[in-house]
């Protein structure tokens, strides 16, 4: 878990590994950020990929952002893929 100083008016931002209890909040963040449910469904699918890294940012105790890294293969080269890196647009004015 990491604690990052946040913009004035907010408590510190906490970033930690996603837990199963965060799935609904992450889905809502993605739907609000992209304006549709497709990216939330993609994140749900990518959770089944092992290994992956999924981090959730919390501001004032509420899930406010999400980032997910998963492996991809392009022409027999393996890379890490950053997918659905978004924040809840309602949390930052």
C-alpha atoms as a PDB file:
ATOM      1  CA  UNK A   1       0.000   0.000   0.000  1.00  0.00           C
ATOM      2  CA  UNK A   2       1.251   3.472  -0.862  1.00  0.00           C
ATOM      3  CA  UNK A   3       0.156   6.802   0.541  1.00  0.00           C
ATOM      4  CA  UNK A   4       0.529   9.825  -1.738  1.00  0.00           C
ATOM      5  CA  UNK A   5      -0.048  13.460  -0.863  1.00  0.00           C
ATOM      6  CA  UNK A   6      -3.115  14.602  -2.752  1.00  0.00           C
ATOM      7  CA  UNK A   7      -4.358  17.975  -3.995  1.00  0.00           C
ATOM      8  CA  UNK A   8      -5.416  20.455  -1.327  1.00  0.00           C
ATOM      9  CA  UNK A   9      -8.887  19.817  -0.014  1.00  0.00           C
ATOM     10  CA  UNK A  10      -8.472  16.031  -0.118  1.00  0.00           C
ATOM     11  CA  UNK A  11      -7.069  13.565   2.354  1.00  0.00           C
ATOM     12  CA  UNK A  12      -4.067  11.498   1.346  1.00  0.00           C
ATOM     13  CA  UNK A  13      -4.539   9.145  -1.579  1.00  0.00           C
ATOM     14  CA  UNK A  14      -4.023   5.489  -0.770  1.00  0.00           C
ATOM     15  CA  UNK A  15      -3.117   3.051  -3.543  1.00  0.00           C
ATOM     16  CA  UNK A  16      -3.317  -0.678  -2.892  1.00  0.00           C
ATOM     17  CA  UNK A  17      -3.815  -3.975  -4.645  1.00  0.00           C
ATOM     18  CA  UNK A  18      -7.393  -4.601  -5.716  1.00  0.00           C
ATOM     19  CA  UNK A  19      -9.455  -6.929  -3.517  1.00  0.00           C
ATOM     20  CA  UNK A  20     -12.574  -8.879  -4.469  1.00  0.00           C
ATOM     21  CA  UNK A  21     -14.651  -6.383  -2.477  1.00  0.00           C
ATOM     22  CA  UNK A  22     -13.464  -3.627  -4.876  1.00  0.00           C
ATOM     23  CA  UNK A  23     -14.854  -5.166  -8.085  1.00  0.00           C
ATOM     24  CA  UNK A  24     -18.153  -3.281  -8.084  1.00  0.00           C
ATOM     25  CA  UNK A  25     -16.454   0.057  -7.310  1.00  0.00           C
ATOM     26  CA  UNK A  26     -13.909  -0.564 -10.097  1.00  0.00           C
ATOM     27  CA  UNK A  27     -16.719  -1.368 -12.521  1.00  0.00           C
ATOM     28  CA  UNK A  28     -18.473   1.897 -11.578  1.00  0.00           C
ATOM     29  CA  UNK A  29     -15.244   3.915 -11.971  1.00  0.00           C
ATOM     30  CA  UNK A  30     -14.723   2.521 -15.468  1.00  0.00           C
ATOM     31  CA  UNK A  31     -18.324   3.094 -16.518  1.00  0.00           C
ATOM     32  CA  UNK A  32     -18.258   6.691 -15.276  1.00  0.00           C
ATOM     33  CA  UNK A  33     -14.862   7.379 -16.846  1.00  0.00           C
ATOM     34  CA  UNK A  34     -15.615   5.859 -20.262  1.00  0.00           C
ATOM     35  CA  UNK A  35     -19.360   6.518 -20.347  1.00  0.00           C
ATOM     36  CA  UNK A  36     -20.234   2.915 -21.144  1.00  0.00           C
ATOM     37  CA  UNK A  37     -19.978  -0.562 -19.532  1.00  0.00           C
ATOM     38  CA  UNK A  38     -17.561  -2.087 -22.101  1.00  0.00           C
ATOM     39  CA  UNK A  39     -14.321  -1.277 -20.262  1.00  0.00           C
ATOM     40  CA  UNK A  40     -15.707  -2.595 -16.959  1.00  0.00           C
ATOM     41  CA  UNK A  41     -16.532  -5.858 -18.724  1.00  0.00           C
ATOM     42  CA  UNK A  42     -13.001  -5.936 -20.173  1.00  0.00           C
ATOM     43  CA  UNK A  43     -11.521  -5.511 -16.693  1.00  0.00           C
ATOM     44  CA  UNK A  44     -13.717  -8.379 -15.461  1.00  0.00           C
ATOM     45  CA  UNK A  45     -12.322 -10.576 -18.273  1.00  0.00           C
ATOM     46  CA  UNK A  46      -8.714  -9.535 -17.655  1.00  0.00           C
ATOM     47  CA  UNK A  47      -8.943 -10.493 -13.973  1.00  0.00           C
ATOM     48  CA  UNK A  48      -8.966 -14.115 -15.144  1.00  0.00           C
ATOM     49  CA  UNK A  49      -5.526 -13.609 -16.749  1.00  0.00           C
ATOM     50  CA  UNK A  50      -2.619 -14.638 -14.579  1.00  0.00           C
ATOM     51  CA  UNK A  51      -0.410 -12.848 -13.812  1.00  0.00           C
ATOM     52  CA  UNK A  52      -1.911  -9.383 -13.668  1.00  0.00           C
ATOM     53  CA  UNK A  53      -1.549  -6.323 -11.473  1.00  0.00           C
ATOM     54  CA  UNK A  54      -4.680  -4.424 -10.489  1.00  0.00           C
ATOM     55  CA  UNK A  55      -4.404  -1.350  -8.263  1.00  0.00           C
ATOM     56  CA  UNK A  56      -7.142   0.824  -6.776  1.00  0.00           C
ATOM     57  CA  UNK A  57      -6.681   4.412  -5.585  1.00  0.00           C
ATOM     58  CA  UNK A  58      -8.738   5.698  -2.665  1.00  0.00           C
ATOM     59  CA  UNK A  59      -9.353   9.354  -1.804  1.00  0.00           C
ATOM     60  CA  UNK A  60     -11.260  10.285   1.333  1.00  0.00           C
ATOM     61  CA  UNK A  61     -11.948   6.563   1.858  1.00  0.00           C
ATOM     62  CA  UNK A  62     -13.696   6.098  -1.522  1.00  0.00           C
ATOM     63  CA  UNK A  63     -12.418   4.234  -4.568  1.00  0.00           C
ATOM     64  CA  UNK A  64     -11.398   7.011  -6.962  1.00  0.00           C
ATOM     65  CA  UNK A  65      -9.162   5.360  -9.577  1.00  0.00           C
ATOM     66  CA  UNK A  66      -8.075   2.062 -11.054  1.00  0.00           C
ATOM     67  CA  UNK A  67      -5.222   0.735 -13.157  1.00  0.00           C
ATOM     68  CA  UNK A  68      -4.717  -2.790 -14.476  1.00  0.00           C
ATOM     69  CA  UNK A  69      -1.625  -4.344 -16.065  1.00  0.00           C
ATOM     70  CA  UNK A  70      -1.933  -7.670 -17.891  1.00  0.00           C
ATOM     71  CA  UNK A  71       0.385  -9.601 -20.207  1.00  0.00           C
ATOM     72  CA  UNK A  72      -0.142  -9.500 -23.982  1.00  0.00           C
ATOM     73  CA  UNK A  73       1.663 -11.171 -26.851  1.00  0.00           C
ATOM     74  CA  UNK A  74       2.305  -9.411 -30.170  1.00  0.00           C
ATOM     75  CA  UNK A  75       4.046 -11.360 -32.936  1.00  0.00           C
ATOM     76  CA  UNK A  76       5.666 -13.733 -30.451  1.00  0.00           C
ATOM     77  CA  UNK A  77       6.950 -10.849 -28.281  1.00  0.00           C
ATOM     78  CA  UNK A  78       5.593 -10.597 -24.750  1.00  0.00           C
ATOM     79  CA  UNK A  79       4.716  -7.230 -23.210  1.00  0.00           C
ATOM     80  CA  UNK A  80       2.915  -5.803 -20.219  1.00  0.00           C
ATOM     81  CA  UNK A  81      -0.293  -4.048 -21.139  1.00  0.00           C
ATOM     82  CA  UNK A  82      -1.761  -1.151 -19.224  1.00  0.00           C
ATOM     83  CA  UNK A  83      -5.513  -1.312 -19.509  1.00  0.00           C
ATOM     84  CA  UNK A  84      -8.419   0.744 -18.240  1.00  0.00           C
ATOM     85  CA  UNK A  85      -6.364   3.304 -16.342  1.00  0.00           C
ATOM     86  CA  UNK A  86      -9.092   5.681 -15.192  1.00  0.00           C
ATOM     87  CA  UNK A  87     -10.302   7.748 -12.330  1.00  0.00           C
ATOM     88  CA  UNK A  88     -13.815   8.598 -11.244  1.00  0.00           C
ATOM     89  CA  UNK A  89     -14.383  11.970 -12.942  1.00  0.00           C
ATOM     90  CA  UNK A  90     -16.702  12.995 -10.106  1.00  0.00           C
ATOM     91  CA  UNK A  91     -13.836  12.859  -7.590  1.00  0.00           C
ATOM     92  CA  UNK A  92     -11.635  15.537  -9.141  1.00  0.00           C
ATOM     93  CA  UNK A  93     -12.895  18.933 -10.300  1.00  0.00           C
END
